[in-house]
Amino acid sequence: MVYVLPKEVRELGRFFQHSTYRLNKKIITQFKYRIHSIFTKNGIDISRKQVISPENRAKILELPLADIWKQQLRILFTPLDTIEQENEEIKKLISMWAMWPMLAKK
């Protein structure tokens, strides 16, 4: 007899495999590169790790930049935060999916 995972679990596996998470990661990277390029254009030496940290985003907006650049950063930060939150939700679903075989055996 072969054990077949429930339909919901199989669908969740396809959800992960077929690019939703991967696409989001790609978009996040593009946003972060764009944000970093704004600093480079303005002669501000900031590491990509500092840009990555959501906690640093408020501090970043306090840097000496023209208002137009700060506005562009705000515009970029909004969808970036949303996509990062979505990916955290996907990670939770993936964790649940990965644990399913262990839970099913009990």
N, C-alpha and C. Protein backbone atom coordinates (compact mmCIF):
# COMPACT_ATOMS: atom_id res chain seq x y z
N MET A 1 0.84 -1.18 0.00
CA MET A 1 0.00 0.00 0.00
C MET A 1 0.89 1.25 0.00
N VAL A 2 0.53 2.19 -0.80
CA VAL A 2 1.30 3.43 -0.93
C VAL A 2 0.53 4.55 -0.25
N TYR A 3 1.25 5.29 0.58
CA TYR A 3 0.62 6.43 1.26
C TYR A 3 0.61 7.63 0.32
N VAL A 4 -0.54 8.23 0.15
CA VAL A 4 -0.68 9.43 -0.69
C VAL A 4 -1.04 10.60 0.23
N LEU A 5 -0.27 11.66 0.10
CA LEU A 5 -0.54 12.85 0.90
C LEU A 5 -1.90 13.43 0.56
N PRO A 6 -2.54 14.05 1.52
CA PRO A 6 -3.83 14.69 1.24
C PRO A 6 -3.67 15.77 0.15
N LYS A 7 -4.76 16.03 -0.52
CA LYS A 7 -4.77 16.98 -1.64
C LYS A 7 -4.22 18.35 -1.23
N GLU A 8 -4.62 18.84 -0.04
CA GLU A 8 -4.17 20.16 0.42
C GLU A 8 -2.65 20.21 0.53
N VAL A 9 -2.06 19.14 1.01
CA VAL A 9 -0.61 19.09 1.18
C VAL A 9 0.08 19.04 -0.17
N ARG A 10 -0.47 18.25 -1.10
CA ARG A 10 0.12 18.19 -2.46
C ARG A 10 0.05 19.55 -3.14
N GLU A 11 -1.08 20.24 -2.97
CA GLU A 11 -1.23 21.57 -3.57
C GLU A 11 -0.24 22.56 -2.97
N LEU A 12 -0.02 22.46 -1.68
CA LEU A 12 0.94 23.35 -1.02
C LEU A 12 2.35 23.11 -1.56
N GLY A 13 2.67 21.85 -1.81
CA GLY A 13 3.97 21.53 -2.41
C GLY A 13 4.11 22.16 -3.78
N ARG A 14 3.08 22.09 -4.58
CA ARG A 14 3.11 22.72 -5.91
C ARG A 14 3.23 24.23 -5.80
N PHE A 15 2.55 24.78 -4.80
CA PHE A 15 2.59 26.23 -4.55
C PHE A 15 4.04 26.68 -4.35
N PHE A 16 4.78 25.92 -3.57
CA PHE A 16 6.18 26.26 -3.32
C PHE A 16 7.03 26.00 -4.56
N GLN A 17 6.87 24.85 -5.16
CA GLN A 17 7.70 24.46 -6.29
C GLN A 17 7.50 25.36 -7.50
N HIS A 18 6.29 25.80 -7.70
CA HIS A 18 5.99 26.57 -8.90
C HIS A 18 6.04 28.06 -8.64
N SER A 19 7.13 28.50 -8.16
CA SER A 19 7.64 29.85 -8.25
C SER A 19 7.05 30.97 -7.41
N THR A 20 5.99 30.79 -6.67
CA THR A 20 5.49 31.93 -5.90
C THR A 20 6.57 32.43 -4.94
N TYR A 21 7.12 31.52 -4.18
CA TYR A 21 8.18 31.89 -3.23
C TYR A 21 9.41 32.37 -3.99
N ARG A 22 9.80 31.64 -5.00
CA ARG A 22 11.00 32.00 -5.78
C ARG A 22 10.82 33.34 -6.49
N LEU A 23 9.66 33.57 -7.05
CA LEU A 23 9.39 34.84 -7.71
C LEU A 23 9.48 35.99 -6.71
N ASN A 24 8.89 35.80 -5.55
CA ASN A 24 8.97 36.83 -4.52
C ASN A 24 10.42 37.12 -4.13
N LYS A 25 11.23 36.07 -3.99
CA LYS A 25 12.64 36.26 -3.65
C LYS A 25 13.34 37.08 -4.72
N LYS A 26 13.03 36.80 -5.97
CA LYS A 26 13.64 37.54 -7.08
C LYS A 26 13.23 39.02 -7.03
N ILE A 27 11.96 39.27 -6.77
CA ILE A 27 11.46 40.65 -6.69
C ILE A 27 12.10 41.38 -5.52
N ILE A 28 12.22 40.72 -4.38
CA ILE A 28 12.86 41.32 -3.20
C ILE A 28 14.29 41.72 -3.54
N THR A 29 15.01 40.85 -4.21
CA THR A 29 16.39 41.15 -4.59
C THR A 29 16.44 42.36 -5.52
N GLN A 30 15.54 42.43 -6.48
CA GLN A 30 15.51 43.57 -7.40
C GLN A 30 15.25 44.87 -6.65
N PHE A 31 14.31 44.87 -5.72
CA PHE A 31 14.02 46.06 -4.94
C PHE A 31 15.25 46.49 -4.13
N LYS A 32 15.90 45.52 -3.51
CA LYS A 32 17.06 45.85 -2.67
C LYS A 32 18.22 46.40 -3.49
N TYR A 33 18.42 45.85 -4.69
CA TYR A 33 19.45 46.40 -5.57
C TYR A 33 19.11 47.83 -5.97
N ARG A 34 17.84 48.08 -6.25
CA ARG A 34 17.42 49.44 -6.64
C ARG A 34 17.63 50.41 -5.48
N ILE A 35 17.27 49.99 -4.28
CA ILE A 35 17.46 50.83 -3.10
C ILE A 35 18.94 51.12 -2.90
N HIS A 36 19.75 50.09 -3.01
CA HIS A 36 21.19 50.26 -2.83
C HIS A 36 21.75 51.20 -3.89
N SER A 37 21.24 51.13 -5.11
CA SER A 37 21.75 52.00 -6.18
C SER A 37 21.42 53.48 -5.90
N ILE A 38 20.32 53.74 -5.22
CA ILE A 38 19.99 55.12 -4.85
C ILE A 38 21.08 55.68 -3.94
N PHE A 39 21.52 54.88 -2.99
CA PHE A 39 22.58 55.34 -2.09
C PHE A 39 23.89 55.53 -2.84
N THR A 40 24.20 54.61 -3.71
CA THR A 40 25.44 54.71 -4.49
C THR A 40 25.44 55.99 -5.33
N LYS A 41 24.31 56.28 -5.98
CA LYS A 41 24.20 57.50 -6.80
C LYS A 41 24.37 58.76 -5.98
N ASN A 42 24.02 58.69 -4.70
CA ASN A 42 24.10 59.85 -3.84
C ASN A 42 25.37 59.86 -2.99
N GLY A 43 26.29 58.97 -3.28
CA GLY A 43 27.57 58.94 -2.58
C GLY A 43 27.50 58.48 -1.14
N ILE A 44 26.45 57.74 -0.80
CA ILE A 44 26.31 57.23 0.57
C ILE A 44 26.77 55.79 0.58
N ASP A 45 27.75 55.52 1.43
CA ASP A 45 28.30 54.17 1.54
C ASP A 45 27.50 53.40 2.57
N ILE A 46 26.66 52.52 2.10
CA ILE A 46 25.81 51.70 2.98
C ILE A 46 25.85 50.27 2.45
N SER A 47 25.98 49.33 3.34
CA SER A 47 26.07 47.93 2.91
C SER A 47 24.70 47.41 2.52
N ARG A 48 24.69 46.36 1.72
CA ARG A 48 23.42 45.75 1.34
C ARG A 48 22.73 45.14 2.55
N LYS A 49 23.53 44.67 3.51
CA LYS A 49 22.93 44.10 4.73
C LYS A 49 22.14 45.15 5.49
N GLN A 50 22.65 46.39 5.50
CA GLN A 50 21.92 47.46 6.18
C GLN A 50 20.61 47.77 5.45
N VAL A 51 20.62 47.68 4.14
CA VAL A 51 19.40 47.91 3.35
C VAL A 51 18.41 46.78 3.59
N ILE A 52 18.92 45.57 3.75
CA ILE A 52 18.07 44.40 3.91
C ILE A 52 17.25 44.46 5.19
N SER A 53 17.81 44.96 6.25
CA SER A 53 17.17 44.94 7.54
C SER A 53 15.95 45.86 7.61
N PRO A 54 14.76 45.28 7.84
CA PRO A 54 13.55 46.11 7.96
C PRO A 54 13.66 47.12 9.11
N GLU A 55 14.41 46.77 10.16
CA GLU A 55 14.56 47.67 11.30
C GLU A 55 15.32 48.94 10.91
N ASN A 56 16.19 48.84 9.92
CA ASN A 56 16.99 49.99 9.50
C ASN A 56 16.26 50.93 8.56
N ARG A 57 15.13 50.53 8.06
CA ARG A 57 14.46 51.34 7.02
C ARG A 57 14.06 52.72 7.51
N ALA A 58 13.59 52.83 8.73
CA ALA A 58 13.24 54.16 9.27
C ALA A 58 14.49 55.01 9.41
N LYS A 59 15.58 54.40 9.86
CA LYS A 59 16.84 55.13 10.00
C LYS A 59 17.37 55.57 8.64
N ILE A 60 17.18 54.72 7.65
CA ILE A 60 17.66 55.03 6.30
C ILE A 60 17.00 56.31 5.78
N LEU A 61 15.73 56.48 6.09
CA LEU A 61 15.01 57.67 5.62
C LEU A 61 15.48 58.95 6.30
N GLU A 62 16.26 58.80 7.38
CA GLU A 62 16.82 59.96 8.06
C GLU A 62 18.17 60.39 7.49
N LEU A 63 18.70 59.61 6.56
CA LEU A 63 20.00 59.96 5.96
C LEU A 63 19.87 61.22 5.12
N PRO A 64 20.99 61.92 4.92
CA PRO A 64 20.94 63.19 4.16
C PRO A 64 20.74 62.95 2.67
N LEU A 65 19.48 62.85 2.30
CA LEU A 65 19.09 62.66 0.89
C LEU A 65 18.08 63.73 0.52
N ALA A 66 18.04 64.06 -0.75
CA ALA A 66 17.02 64.98 -1.24
C ALA A 66 15.64 64.34 -1.06
N ASP A 67 14.63 65.18 -0.88
CA ASP A 67 13.27 64.67 -0.65
C ASP A 67 12.79 63.73 -1.75
N ILE A 68 13.17 64.00 -2.97
CA ILE A 68 12.73 63.14 -4.09
C ILE A 68 13.27 61.72 -3.93
N TRP A 69 14.51 61.59 -3.44
CA TRP A 69 15.09 60.26 -3.21
C TRP A 69 14.41 59.57 -2.03
N LYS A 70 14.12 60.34 -0.97
CA LYS A 70 13.43 59.75 0.18
C LYS A 70 12.04 59.26 -0.21
N GLN A 71 11.36 60.03 -1.06
CA GLN A 71 10.05 59.61 -1.53
C GLN A 71 10.15 58.31 -2.33
N GLN A 72 11.16 58.24 -3.17
CA GLN A 72 11.34 57.02 -3.95
C GLN A 72 11.63 55.83 -3.04
N LEU A 73 12.42 56.04 -2.00
CA LEU A 73 12.70 54.96 -1.05
C LEU A 73 11.42 54.52 -0.34
N ARG A 74 10.59 55.47 0.07
CA ARG A 74 9.31 55.11 0.71
C ARG A 74 8.46 54.27 -0.24
N ILE A 75 8.44 54.68 -1.50
CA ILE A 75 7.67 53.94 -2.51
C ILE A 75 8.20 52.52 -2.66
N LEU A 76 9.51 52.36 -2.62
CA LEU A 76 10.11 51.03 -2.75
C LEU A 76 9.93 50.19 -1.48
N PHE A 77 10.01 50.83 -0.32
CA PHE A 77 9.90 50.09 0.94
C PHE A 77 8.51 49.48 1.14
N THR A 78 7.47 50.15 0.69
CA THR A 78 6.11 49.67 0.93
C THR A 78 5.86 48.29 0.31
N PRO A 79 6.07 48.11 -1.01
CA PRO A 79 5.85 46.77 -1.55
C PRO A 79 6.90 45.77 -1.06
N LEU A 80 8.10 46.25 -0.80
CA LEU A 80 9.14 45.35 -0.29
C LEU A 80 8.71 44.74 1.03
N ASP A 81 8.20 45.56 1.94
CA ASP A 81 7.70 45.04 3.22
C ASP A 81 6.59 44.02 3.02
N THR A 82 5.68 44.33 2.12
CA THR A 82 4.55 43.43 1.85
C THR A 82 5.03 42.08 1.31
N ILE A 83 5.92 42.12 0.35
CA ILE A 83 6.42 40.88 -0.26
C ILE A 83 7.21 40.07 0.75
N GLU A 84 7.99 40.74 1.58
CA GLU A 84 8.74 40.02 2.62
C GLU A 84 7.79 39.35 3.60
N GLN A 85 6.70 40.02 3.96
CA GLN A 85 5.71 39.42 4.85
C GLN A 85 5.03 38.22 4.19
N GLU A 86 4.73 38.35 2.90
CA GLU A 86 4.14 37.22 2.17
C GLU A 86 5.08 36.02 2.18
N ASN A 87 6.36 36.27 1.98
CA ASN A 87 7.31 35.16 1.98
C ASN A 87 7.43 34.51 3.35
N GLU A 88 7.28 35.30 4.40
CA GLU A 88 7.29 34.71 5.75
C GLU A 88 6.09 33.78 5.92
N GLU A 89 4.94 34.20 5.40
CA GLU A 89 3.75 33.34 5.46
C GLU A 89 3.97 32.06 4.66
N ILE A 90 4.58 32.20 3.49
CA ILE A 90 4.86 31.02 2.66
C ILE A 90 5.81 30.09 3.39
N LYS A 91 6.82 30.64 4.06
CA LYS A 91 7.76 29.81 4.82
C LYS A 91 7.04 29.02 5.90
N LYS A 92 6.08 29.66 6.57
CA LYS A 92 5.31 28.96 7.60
C LYS A 92 4.52 27.81 6.99
N LEU A 93 3.91 28.07 5.84
CA LEU A 93 3.15 27.01 5.16
C LEU A 93 4.08 25.87 4.75
N ILE A 94 5.26 26.22 4.27
CA ILE A 94 6.22 25.20 3.85
C ILE A 94 6.64 24.36 5.04
N SER A 95 6.86 25.02 6.19
CA SER A 95 7.24 24.29 7.39
C SER A 95 6.15 23.30 7.80
N MET A 96 4.90 23.77 7.74
CA MET A 96 3.79 22.87 8.06
C MET A 96 3.74 21.72 7.07
N TRP A 97 3.96 22.03 5.80
CA TRP A 97 3.93 21.00 4.76
C TRP A 97 5.04 19.99 4.98
N ALA A 98 6.22 20.47 5.35
CA ALA A 98 7.36 19.58 5.56
C ALA A 98 7.13 18.66 6.75
N MET A 99 6.38 19.13 7.72
CA MET A 99 6.12 18.31 8.92
C MET A 99 4.96 17.35 8.71
N TRP A 100 4.21 17.50 7.65
CA TRP A 100 3.00 16.68 7.46
C TRP A 100 3.27 15.17 7.53
N PRO A 101 4.30 14.66 6.84
CA PRO A 101 4.51 13.20 6.92
C PRO A 101 4.74 12.71 8.35
N MET A 102 5.43 13.50 9.17
CA MET A 102 5.67 13.11 10.56
C MET A 102 4.37 13.13 11.35
N LEU A 103 3.53 14.12 11.09
CA LEU A 103 2.26 14.21 11.80
C LEU A 103 1.30 13.11 11.36
N ALA A 104 1.36 12.75 10.09
CA ALA A 104 0.45 11.74 9.56
C ALA A 104 0.74 10.36 10.13
N LYS A 105 2.00 10.10 10.53
CA LYS A 105 2.38 8.79 11.06
C LYS A 105 1.85 8.57 12.47
N LYS A 106 1.53 9.65 13.17
CA LYS A 106 1.10 9.52 14.58
C LYS A 106 -0.30 8.96 14.67
